[in-house]
C-alpha atoms as a PDB file:
ATOM      1  CA  MET A   1     194.899   9.408 160.131  1.00  0.00           C
ATOM      2  CA  GLU A   2     197.982  11.315 161.164  1.00  0.00           C
ATOM      3  CA  ARG A   3     200.984  11.238 158.883  1.00  0.00           C
ATOM      4  CA  LYS A   4     204.379  10.634 160.547  1.00  0.00           C
ATOM      5  CA  GLU A   5     207.782  10.901 158.881  1.00  0.00           C
ATOM      6  CA  VAL A   6     211.290  10.305 160.242  1.00  0.00           C
ATOM      7  CA  PHE A   7     214.101  12.366 158.762  1.00  0.00           C
ATOM      8  CA  SER A   8     217.888  12.137 159.222  1.00  0.00           C
ATOM      9  CA  GLY A   9     220.619  14.737 158.890  1.00  0.00           C
ATOM     10  CA  LYS A  10     223.812  16.124 160.315  1.00  0.00           C
ATOM     11  CA  THR A  11     222.136  18.161 163.032  1.00  0.00           C
ATOM     12  CA  ALA A  12     218.616  18.214 164.476  1.00  0.00           C
ATOM     13  CA  GLU A  13     217.876  21.748 163.286  1.00  0.00           C
ATOM     14  CA  GLU A  14     219.031  21.051 159.752  1.00  0.00           C
ATOM     15  CA  THR A  15     216.941  17.876 159.708  1.00  0.00           C
ATOM     16  CA  ILE A  16     213.817  19.726 160.888  1.00  0.00           C
ATOM     17  CA  GLU A  17     214.157  22.385 158.200  1.00  0.00           C
ATOM     18  CA  ALA A  18     214.698  19.770 155.523  1.00  0.00           C
ATOM     19  CA  GLY A  19     211.691  17.708 156.652  1.00  0.00           C
ATOM     20  CA  ILE A  20     209.298  20.693 156.763  1.00  0.00           C
ATOM     21  CA  SER A  21     210.434  21.793 153.325  1.00  0.00           C
ATOM     22  CA  GLU A  22     209.924  18.299 151.897  1.00  0.00           C
ATOM     23  CA  LEU A  23     206.397  18.035 153.340  1.00  0.00           C
ATOM     24  CA  GLY A  24     205.478  21.525 152.117  1.00  0.00           C
ATOM     25  CA  VAL A  25     204.118  22.683 155.460  1.00  0.00           C
ATOM     26  CA  THR A  26     205.015  25.141 158.208  1.00  0.00           C
ATOM     27  CA  ARG A  27     206.129  24.566 161.779  1.00  0.00           C
ATOM     28  CA  GLU A  28     202.567  25.403 162.972  1.00  0.00           C
ATOM     29  CA  ASP A  29     201.229  22.458 160.962  1.00  0.00           C
ATOM     30  CA  VAL A  30     203.451  19.776 162.434  1.00  0.00           C
ATOM     31  CA  GLU A  31     204.613  18.238 165.681  1.00  0.00           C
ATOM     32  CA  ILE A  32     208.366  17.706 165.967  1.00  0.00           C
ATOM     33  CA  GLU A  33     210.097  15.005 168.033  1.00  0.00           C
ATOM     34  CA  VAL A  34     213.914  14.816 168.098  1.00  0.00           C
ATOM     35  CA  LEU A  35     214.998  11.157 168.285  1.00  0.00           C
ATOM     36  CA  GLU A  36     218.728  11.765 168.012  1.00  0.00           C
ATOM     37  CA  GLU A  37     220.615  15.026 168.293  1.00  0.00           C
ATOM     38  CA  GLY A  38     223.503  13.850 166.168  1.00  0.00           C
ATOM     39  CA  LYS A  39     227.070  13.530 167.359  1.00  0.00           C
ATOM     40  CA  ARG A  40     230.497  13.762 165.877  1.00  0.00           C
ATOM     41  CA  ARG A  41     233.116  11.195 166.842  1.00  0.00           C
ATOM     42  CA  LEU A  42     236.746  10.635 166.066  1.00  0.00           C
ATOM     43  CA  PHE A  43     236.034   7.682 163.850  1.00  0.00           C
ATOM     44  CA  GLY A  44     232.712   8.753 162.340  1.00  0.00           C
ATOM     45  CA  SER A  45     229.503  10.480 163.466  1.00  0.00           C
ATOM     46  CA  ILE A  46     225.983   9.612 164.559  1.00  0.00           C
ATOM     47  CA  PRO A  47     223.311  11.276 162.336  1.00  0.00           C
ATOM     48  CA  ALA A  48     220.433  13.231 163.818  1.00  0.00           C
ATOM     49  CA  GLN A  49     216.958  11.757 163.593  1.00  0.00           C
ATOM     50  CA  VAL A  50     213.724  13.734 163.780  1.00  0.00           C
ATOM     51  CA  ARG A  51     210.141  12.472 163.684  1.00  0.00           C
ATOM     52  CA  ILE A  52     207.728  14.995 162.099  1.00  0.00           C
ATOM     53  CA  THR A  53     203.982  14.428 162.528  1.00  0.00           C
ATOM     54  CA  LEU A  54     201.465  16.365 160.478  1.00  0.00           C
ATOM     55  CA  LYS A  55     198.704  17.872 162.596  1.00  0.00           C
ATOM     56  CA  HIS A  56     195.154  17.397 161.461  1.00  0.00           C
ATOM     57  CA  LYS A  57     194.378  20.742 159.876  1.00  0.00           C
ATOM     58  CA  GLN A  58     190.750  21.717 160.397  1.00  0.00           C
ATOM     59  CA  THR A  59     189.080  23.118 157.285  1.00  0.00           C
ATOM     60  CA  ASP A  60     186.811  26.184 157.195  1.00  0.00           C
ATOM     61  CA  GLY A  61     183.725  24.007 156.871  1.00  0.00           C
ATOM     62  CA  GLU A  62     184.754  21.740 159.722  1.00  0.00           C
ATOM     63  CA  ARG A  63     185.408  24.769 161.898  1.00  0.00           C
ATOM     64  CA  ALA A  64     181.881  26.052 161.193  1.00  0.00           C
ATOM     65  CA  VAL A  65     180.381  22.637 162.010  1.00  0.00           C
ATOM     66  CA  SER A  66     182.249  22.502 165.328  1.00  0.00           C
ATOM     67  CA  PHE A  67     180.958  25.972 166.147  1.00  0.00           C
ATOM     68  CA  LEU A  68     177.338  24.963 165.475  1.00  0.00           C
ATOM     69  CA  GLU A  69     177.713  21.853 167.633  1.00  0.00           C
ATOM     70  CA  GLY A  70     178.796  24.013 170.544  1.00  0.00           C
ATOM     71  CA  LEU A  71     176.085  26.590 169.828  1.00  0.00           C
ATOM     72  CA  PHE A  72     173.296  24.010 169.780  1.00  0.00           C
ATOM     73  CA  GLY A  73     174.596  22.530 173.033  1.00  0.00           C
ATOM     74  CA  ILE A  74     174.436  25.926 174.755  1.00  0.00           C
ATOM     75  CA  LEU A  75     170.961  26.711 173.383  1.00  0.00           C
ATOM     76  CA  GLY A  76     169.598  23.244 174.113  1.00  0.00           C
ATOM     77  CA  VAL A  77     168.693  22.657 170.456  1.00  0.00           C
ATOM     78  CA  GLU A  78     168.514  19.002 169.484  1.00  0.00           C
ATOM     79  CA  ALA A  79     170.109  19.088 166.036  1.00  0.00           C
ATOM     80  CA  VAL A  80     173.191  17.553 164.453  1.00  0.00           C
ATOM     81  CA  PRO A  81     175.182  19.573 161.861  1.00  0.00           C
ATOM     82  CA  SER A  82     177.176  17.772 159.184  1.00  0.00           C
ATOM     83  CA  LEU A  83     179.411  18.995 156.356  1.00  0.00           C
ATOM     84  CA  ARG A  84     177.978  18.085 152.950  1.00  0.00           C
ATOM     85  CA  GLU A  85     180.178  20.079 150.562  1.00  0.00           C
ATOM     86  CA  GLU A  86     183.285  22.257 150.702  1.00  0.00           C
ATOM     87  CA  ASP A  87     184.406  23.068 147.175  1.00  0.00           C
ATOM     88  CA  GLU A  88     183.054  26.236 145.589  1.00  0.00           C
ATOM     89  CA  LYS A  89     180.830  26.805 148.611  1.00  0.00           C
ATOM     90  CA  ILE A  90     180.379  25.325 152.070  1.00  0.00           C
ATOM     91  CA  VAL A  91     177.108  23.445 152.585  1.00  0.00           C
ATOM     92  CA  ILE A  92     176.095  22.290 156.069  1.00  0.00           C
ATOM     93  CA  ASP A  93     173.077  20.091 156.698  1.00  0.00           C
ATOM     94  CA  LEU A  94     171.106  20.190 159.944  1.00  0.00           C
ATOM     95  CA  ALA A  95     169.342  17.041 161.097  1.00  0.00           C
ATOM     96  CA  ALA A  96     166.669  17.783 163.682  1.00  0.00           C
ATOM     97  CA  THR A  97     165.650  15.033 166.091  1.00  0.00           C
ATOM     98  CA  GLU A  98     162.060  16.275 166.428  1.00  0.00           C
ATOM     99  CA  SER A  99     160.753  18.917 164.010  1.00  0.00           C
ATOM    100  CA  ASP A 100     162.434  20.958 161.308  1.00  0.00           C
ATOM    101  CA  LYS A 101     160.094  23.909 161.851  1.00  0.00           C
ATOM    102  CA  GLY A 102     161.901  25.014 164.989  1.00  0.00           C
ATOM    103  CA  LEU A 103     165.219  25.205 163.147  1.00  0.00           C
ATOM    104  CA  ILE A 104     163.762  26.910 160.078  1.00  0.00           C
ATOM    105  CA  GLY A 105     161.513  29.457 161.789  1.00  0.00           C
ATOM    106  CA  ARG A 106     158.960  31.786 160.234  1.00  0.00           C
ATOM    107  CA  ARG A 107     159.964  32.471 156.624  1.00  0.00           C
ATOM    108  CA  GLY A 108     163.351  30.946 157.364  1.00  0.00           C
ATOM    109  CA  GLU A 109     164.360  33.561 159.941  1.00  0.00           C
ATOM    110  CA  MET A 110     165.960  31.034 162.323  1.00  0.00           C
ATOM    111  CA  ILE A 111     167.938  29.083 159.746  1.00  0.00           C
ATOM    112  CA  ASP A 112     169.072  32.328 158.107  1.00  0.00           C
ATOM    113  CA  ALA A 113     170.458  33.517 161.447  1.00  0.00           C
ATOM    114  CA  ILE A 114     172.276  30.192 161.914  1.00  0.00           C
ATOM    115  CA  GLN A 115     173.668  30.493 158.392  1.00  0.00           C
ATOM    116  CA  THR A 116     174.962  34.015 159.093  1.00  0.00           C
ATOM    117  CA  LEU A 117     176.841  32.855 162.182  1.00  0.00           C
ATOM    118  CA  ALA A 118     178.277  29.821 160.411  1.00  0.00           C
ATOM    119  CA  GLY A 119     179.440  32.013 157.533  1.00  0.00           C
ATOM    120  CA  ALA A 120     181.195  34.408 159.893  1.00  0.00           C
ATOM    121  CA  VAL A 121     183.066  31.554 161.597  1.00  0.00           C
ATOM    122  CA  ALA A 122     184.011  29.799 158.338  1.00  0.00           C
ATOM    123  CA  ASN A 123     185.441  32.984 156.805  1.00  0.00           C
ATOM    124  CA  THR A 124     187.493  34.006 159.832  1.00  0.00           C
ATOM    125  CA  GLY A 125     191.058  34.613 158.677  1.00  0.00           C
ATOM    126  CA  ARG A 126     190.262  34.171 154.976  1.00  0.00           C
ATOM    127  CA  ARG A 127     191.317  36.740 152.417  1.00  0.00           C
ATOM    128  CA  ASP A 128     188.495  35.929 150.002  1.00  0.00           C
ATOM    129  CA  TYR A 129     184.917  35.344 151.201  1.00  0.00           C
ATOM    130  CA  LYS A 130     183.519  31.852 150.780  1.00  0.00           C
ATOM    131  CA  ARG A 131     179.770  31.364 150.621  1.00  0.00           C
ATOM    132  CA  VAL A 132     178.222  29.242 153.372  1.00  0.00           C
ATOM    133  CA  VAL A 133     174.777  27.621 153.062  1.00  0.00           C
ATOM    134  CA  VAL A 134     173.009  25.978 155.991  1.00  0.00           C
ATOM    135  CA  ASP A 135     170.115  23.715 154.984  1.00  0.00           C
ATOM    136  CA  CYS A 136     167.543  21.682 156.861  1.00  0.00           C
ATOM    137  CA  GLY A 137     165.071  19.210 155.398  1.00  0.00           C
ATOM    138  CA  ASN A 138     165.754  20.424 151.826  1.00  0.00           C
ATOM    139  CA  TYR A 139     164.337  23.832 152.780  1.00  0.00           C
ATOM    140  CA  ARG A 140     166.715  25.817 150.567  1.00  0.00           C
ATOM    141  CA  GLU A 141     165.781  23.982 147.382  1.00  0.00           C
ATOM    142  CA  ASN A 142     162.052  24.305 148.042  1.00  0.00           C
ATOM    143  CA  ARG A 143     162.417  27.994 148.919  1.00  0.00           C
ATOM    144  CA  GLU A 144     164.443  28.649 145.770  1.00  0.00           C
ATOM    145  CA  GLU A 145     161.764  27.043 143.607  1.00  0.00           C
ATOM    146  CA  THR A 146     159.076  29.175 145.291  1.00  0.00           C
ATOM    147  CA  LEU A 147     161.056  32.390 144.777  1.00  0.00           C
ATOM    148  CA  ARG A 148     161.621  31.654 141.098  1.00  0.00           C
ATOM    149  CA  HIS A 149     157.902  31.089 140.607  1.00  0.00           C
ATOM    150  CA  VAL A 150     157.088  34.353 142.407  1.00  0.00           C
ATOM    151  CA  ALA A 151     159.683  36.226 140.326  1.00  0.00           C
ATOM    152  CA  GLU A 152     158.196  35.061 137.020  1.00  0.00           C
ATOM    153  CA  LYS A 153     154.644  35.816 138.167  1.00  0.00           C
ATOM    154  CA  LEU A 154     155.466  39.347 139.305  1.00  0.00           C
ATOM    155  CA  ALA A 155     157.494  40.022 136.157  1.00  0.00           C
ATOM    156  CA  ALA A 156     154.420  39.211 134.052  1.00  0.00           C
ATOM    157  CA  LYS A 157     152.366  41.547 136.257  1.00  0.00           C
ATOM    158  CA  ALA A 158     154.869  44.379 135.827  1.00  0.00           C
ATOM    159  CA  VAL A 159     154.751  44.023 132.030  1.00  0.00           C
ATOM    160  CA  ARG A 160     150.950  43.844 132.000  1.00  0.00           C
ATOM    161  CA  LEU A 161     150.547  47.009 134.083  1.00  0.00           C
ATOM    162  CA  GLY A 162     153.547  48.842 132.700  1.00  0.00           C
ATOM    163  CA  LYS A 163     154.644  49.687 136.254  1.00  0.00           C
ATOM    164  CA  LYS A 164     157.403  48.769 138.685  1.00  0.00           C
ATOM    165  CA  VAL A 165     156.718  45.921 141.100  1.00  0.00           C
ATOM    166  CA  ARG A 166     158.389  45.866 144.502  1.00  0.00           C
ATOM    167  CA  LEU A 167     158.995  42.609 146.381  1.00  0.00           C
ATOM    168  CA  GLU A 168     159.138  42.181 150.138  1.00  0.00           C
ATOM    169  CA  PRO A 169     162.496  42.622 151.919  1.00  0.00           C
ATOM    170  CA  MET A 170     164.811  39.615 151.539  1.00  0.00           C
ATOM    171  CA  ASN A 171     168.279  38.555 152.590  1.00  0.00           C
ATOM    172  CA  PRO A 172     171.133  38.690 150.023  1.00  0.00           C
ATOM    173  CA  TYR A 173     170.858  34.964 149.255  1.00  0.00           C
ATOM    174  CA  GLU A 174     167.168  35.206 148.287  1.00  0.00           C
ATOM    175  CA  ARG A 175     167.663  38.458 146.366  1.00  0.00           C
ATOM    176  CA  ARG A 176     170.282  36.702 144.234  1.00  0.00           C
ATOM    177  CA  ILE A 177     167.715  34.025 143.401  1.00  0.00           C
ATOM    178  CA  ILE A 178     165.261  36.682 142.147  1.00  0.00           C
ATOM    179  CA  HIS A 179     167.940  38.383 140.043  1.00  0.00           C
ATOM    180  CA  SER A 180     169.128  35.103 138.516  1.00  0.00           C
ATOM    181  CA  ALA A 181     165.553  33.988 137.787  1.00  0.00           C
ATOM    182  CA  LEU A 182     164.885  37.086 135.653  1.00  0.00           C
ATOM    183  CA  VAL A 183     168.345  37.766 134.225  1.00  0.00           C
ATOM    184  CA  ASP A 184     167.376  36.219 130.864  1.00  0.00           C
ATOM    185  CA  ASN A 185     163.890  37.773 130.745  1.00  0.00           C
ATOM    186  CA  PRO A 186     163.851  40.202 127.773  1.00  0.00           C
ATOM    187  CA  ASP A 187     160.884  42.203 129.097  1.00  0.00           C
ATOM    188  CA  VAL A 188     162.144  43.267 132.527  1.00  0.00           C
ATOM    189  CA  THR A 189     165.200  44.253 134.503  1.00  0.00           C
ATOM    190  CA  THR A 190     165.802  43.998 138.249  1.00  0.00           C
ATOM    191  CA  LYS A 191     167.676  45.986 140.860  1.00  0.00           C
ATOM    192  CA  SER A 192     167.982  46.060 144.644  1.00  0.00           C
ATOM    193  CA  GLU A 193     166.974  49.105 146.667  1.00  0.00           C
ATOM    194  CA  GLY A 194     166.818  50.084 150.327  1.00  0.00           C
ATOM    195  CA  LYS A 195     169.188  49.347 153.184  1.00  0.00           C
ATOM    196  CA  GLU A 196     169.819  46.183 155.148  1.00  0.00           C
ATOM    197  CA  PRO A 197     168.009  44.446 156.692  1.00  0.00           C
ATOM    198  CA  ALA A 198     165.051  45.890 154.720  1.00  0.00           C
ATOM    199  CA  ARG A 199     166.702  45.722 151.272  1.00  0.00           C
ATOM    200  CA  PHE A 200     164.335  44.557 148.517  1.00  0.00           C
ATOM    201  CA  VAL A 201     164.181  43.790 144.788  1.00  0.00           C
ATOM    202  CA  VAL A 202     162.350  45.973 142.265  1.00  0.00           C
ATOM    203  CA  ILE A 203     161.176  44.532 138.923  1.00  0.00           C
ATOM    204  CA  ILE A 204     161.198  47.191 136.171  1.00  0.00           C
ATOM    205  CA  PRO A 205     159.331  46.497 132.903  1.00  0.00           C
ATOM    206  CA  ASN A 206     160.827  47.728 129.630  1.00  0.00           C
ATOM    207  CA  ASN A 207     157.401  49.075 128.587  1.00  0.00           C
ATOM    208  CA  MET A 208     156.985  51.151 131.740  1.00  0.00           C
ATOM    209  CA  LYS A 209     154.511  53.980 131.230  1.00  0.00           C
ATOM    210  CA  PRO A 210     155.686  57.538 131.865  1.00  0.00           C
ATOM    211  CA  TYR A 211     154.537  59.196 135.049  1.00  0.00           C
ATOM    212  CA  GLU A 212     151.233  61.052 134.536  1.00  0.00           C
ATOM    213  CA  ARG A 213     150.417  63.880 136.890  1.00  0.00           C
ATOM    214  CA  ARG A 214     146.833  64.161 138.043  1.00  0.00           C
ATOM    215  CA  ASP A 215     144.951  66.923 139.798  1.00  0.00           C
ATOM    216  CA  ARG A 216     142.900  66.598 142.967  1.00  0.00           C
ATOM    217  CA  TYR A 217     139.863  65.587 140.927  1.00  0.00           C
ATOM    218  CA  GLY A 218     141.661  62.648 139.296  1.00  0.00           C
ATOM    219  CA  LYS A 219     141.979  64.259 135.884  1.00  0.00           C
ATOM    220  CA  PRO A 220     145.327  64.022 134.097  1.00  0.00           C
ATOM    221  CA  ASN A 221     147.227  67.270 133.650  1.00  0.00           C
ATOM    222  CA  GLY A 222     144.425  69.325 135.247  1.00  0.00           C
ATOM    223  CA  LYS A 223     144.610  73.110 135.154  1.00  0.00           C
ATOM    224  CA  TYR A 224     143.323  75.695 137.577  1.00  0.00           C
ATOM    225  CA  GLY A 225     140.677  76.913 135.142  1.00  0.00           C
ATOM    226  CA  ASP A 226     139.205  73.433 134.789  1.00  0.00           C
ATOM    227  CA  ARG A 227     139.046  72.970 138.541  1.00  0.00           C
ATOM    228  CA  ARG A 228     137.355  76.335 138.971  1.00  0.00           C
ATOM    229  CA  GLU A 229     134.825  75.508 136.282  1.00  0.00           C
ATOM    230  CA  ASN A 230     133.982  72.231 137.992  1.00  0.00           C
ATOM    231  CA  ARG A 231     133.650  74.023 141.297  1.00  0.00           C
ATOM    232  CA  ASP A 232     131.254  76.647 139.875  1.00  0.00           C
ATOM    233  CA  ARG A 233     129.042  74.007 138.306  1.00  0.00           C
ATOM    234  CA  SER A 234     129.065  71.786 141.335  1.00  0.00           C
ATOM    235  CA  PRO A 235     125.578  71.575 142.942  1.00  0.00           C
ATOM    236  CA  ARG A 236     127.029  71.653 146.445  1.00  0.00           C
ATOM    237  CA  TYR A 237     127.663  75.379 146.105  1.00  0.00           C
ATOM    238  CA  GLY A 238     123.975  76.111 145.301  1.00  0.00           C
ATOM    239  CA  GLU A 239     122.550  78.811 143.080  1.00  0.00           C
ATOM    240  CA  LYS A 240     123.396  82.470 143.467  1.00  0.00           C
ATOM    241  CA  ARG A 241     120.487  84.579 144.754  1.00  0.00           C
ATOM    242  CA  PRO A 242     120.151  88.362 144.364  1.00  0.00           C
ATOM    243  CA  TYR A 243     120.744  90.395 147.498  1.00  0.00           C
ATOM    244  CA  PRO A 244     117.437  91.972 148.741  1.00  0.00           C
ATOM    245  CA  LYS A 245     117.179  95.644 147.856  1.00  0.00           C
ATOM    246  CA  ARG A 246     117.076  97.959 150.821  1.00  0.00           C
ATOM    247  CA  GLU A 247     114.014 100.253 151.149  1.00  0.00           C
ATOM    248  CA  LEU A 248     114.551 103.796 152.413  1.00  0.00           C
ATOM    249  CA  PRO A 249     112.028 105.401 154.849  1.00  0.00           C
ATOM    250  CA  THR A 250     109.477 107.866 153.478  1.00  0.00           C
ATOM    251  CA  ASP A 251     109.524 111.576 154.172  1.00  0.00           C
ATOM    252  CA  GLY A 252     106.937 111.298 156.976  1.00  0.00           C
ATOM    253  CA  ALA A 253     108.742 108.553 158.849  1.00  0.00           C
ATOM    254  CA  PRO A 254     111.110 109.425 161.710  1.00  0.00           C
ATOM    255  CA  GLN A 255     114.855 108.950 161.093  1.00  0.00           C
ATOM    256  CA  THR A 256     116.446 105.704 162.350  1.00  0.00           C
ATOM    257  CA  SER A 257     119.736 104.001 162.092  1.00  0.00           C
ATOM    258  CA  GLY A 258     118.159 100.941 160.429  1.00  0.00           C
ATOM    259  CA  THR A 259     115.625 100.190 157.726  1.00  0.00           C
ATOM    260  CA  SER A 260     111.917 100.838 158.171  1.00  0.00           C
ATOM    261  CA  LEU A 261     109.692  98.307 156.463  1.00  0.00           C
ATOM    262  CA  ASN A 262     105.993  97.437 156.659  1.00  0.00           C
ATOM    263  CA  ARG A 263     105.107  93.914 157.765  1.00  0.00           C
ATOM    264  CA  GLY A 264     102.248  92.267 155.922  1.00  0.00           C
ATOM    265  CA  SER A 265      99.551  90.134 157.396  1.00  0.00           C
ATOM    266  CA  ARG A 266     101.143  86.879 156.113  1.00  0.00           C
ATOM    267  CA  GLY A 267     104.634  87.677 157.241  1.00  0.00           C
ATOM    268  CA  GLY A 268     107.478  89.247 155.344  1.00  0.00           C
ATOM    269  CA  TYR A 269     107.743  92.890 154.398  1.00  0.00           C
ATOM    270  CA  LYS A 270     106.087  95.092 151.778  1.00  0.00           C
ATOM    271  CA  LYS A 271     106.509  98.575 150.490  1.00  0.00           C
ATOM    272  CA  GLY A 272     104.652 101.571 151.976  1.00  0.00           C
ATOM    273  CA  GLY A 273     103.914 102.690 155.514  1.00  0.00           C
ATOM    274  CA  PHE A 274     105.944 102.211 158.628  1.00  0.00           C
ATOM    275  CA  SER A 275     105.344  99.500 161.222  1.00  0.00           C
ATOM    276  CA  GLY A 276     108.380  99.583 163.450  1.00  0.00           C
ATOM    277  CA  PHE A 277     112.000 100.459 163.948  1.00  0.00           C
ATOM    278  CA  PHE A 278     115.218  98.553 163.591  1.00  0.00           C
ATOM    279  CA  GLY A 279     117.987 100.160 165.579  1.00  0.00           C
ATOM    280  CA  THR A 280     118.056 103.192 167.851  1.00  0.00           C
ATOM    281  CA  TYR A 281     115.793 106.273 167.437  1.00  0.00           C
ATOM    282  CA  LEU A 282     117.913 109.246 166.471  1.00  0.00           C
ATOM    283  CA  GLY A 283     115.347 112.094 166.470  1.00  0.00           C
ATOM    284  CA  ASN A 284     114.354 114.596 169.219  1.00  0.00           C
ATOM    285  CA  SER A 285     111.691 113.541 171.706  1.00  0.00           C
ATOM    286  CA  ARG A 286     109.875 116.821 171.195  1.00  0.00           C
ATOM    287  CA  ASP A 287     109.408 116.036 167.517  1.00  0.00           C
ATOM    288  CA  SER A 288     106.899 113.315 168.383  1.00  0.00           C
ATOM    289  CA  GLU A 289     104.603 115.593 170.479  1.00  0.00           C
ATOM    290  CA  PRO A 290     101.593 117.102 168.597  1.00  0.00           C
ATOM    291  CA  THR A 291     101.543 120.874 168.059  1.00  0.00           C
ATOM    292  CA  GLU A 292      99.140 123.308 166.603  1.00  0.00           C
ATOM    293  CA  GLU A 293     101.173 123.629 163.420  1.00  0.00           C
ATOM    294  CA  THR A 294     101.684 119.828 163.095  1.00  0.00           C
ATOM    295  CA  PRO A 295      98.595 117.802 164.011  1.00  0.00           C
ATOM    296  CA  GLU A 296      99.070 114.215 165.190  1.00  0.00           C
ATOM    297  CA  LYS A 297      98.820 111.748 162.355  1.00  0.00           C
ATOM    298  CA  PRO A 298      96.473 108.889 163.052  1.00  0.00           C
ATOM    299  CA  ASP A 299      97.857 105.335 162.918  1.00  0.00           C
ATOM    300  CA  THR A 300      96.628 103.750 159.667  1.00  0.00           C
ATOM    301  CA  ASP A 301      98.810 100.547 159.608  1.00  0.00           C
ATOM    302  CA  GLU A 302      96.960  97.402 158.879  1.00  0.00           C
ATOM    303  CA  GLU A 303      96.881  94.756 161.507  1.00  0.00           C
END
């Protein structure tokens, strides 16, 4: 209901100033109607009269609700926002006509986006930020209970393993729930890492094991000598075999650029005799023709 007050004074301007001061408001908060300007006469004067009406001042929460009503109308979303609380924080409830799932979205993505917009509108022109929570079907309370359970479970895991545990990325509201759930836990501490929108919480146990370097074979603090020893003993490298000794040709054999060996009947090579050449013949063609001084040597190689 609008509040109306009528004030009297010598002049209209003086009356307006006096009325605004008495109500404790500004000119922007009121509507002013001058009923009588005030007149001076020879035998007396007529006082000025001013009616001052207080405008309905819209609160930050009401402004956010009005914004959501217009937003839902543009998007064709059948939901009705209502202001539940506006003391320490602003709480707005959404009542869906069909299903709450459409307003909440996967993992609360839709309702979080609506909450971000409502918070921006509610804090427009404010010097200090006021927290805004948009809820639907008691989703926030159920989500908070789930996050607290997850926080306690992962904290126990971090202590058991002696390692850090990283949670999935969350919005600032959900990260605060994780921090508050473990703030009194004597075995762990928590901190946020990363950058928005992929910022996440890390649970750090007090009994965290020091980092242990391991070599490529999985051994802690491995050295080069150990790796080489394992490599030498590894069966995949096989056994070392002696390199076959090279046989030189006998005095009676012609000179070649390769090795002259005798092939046995069962394959392979054996010492003695000459059965063929490997490489190019380097001697003189006349050396192979029989002469009177050097008779031709019969072929005695075994077949």
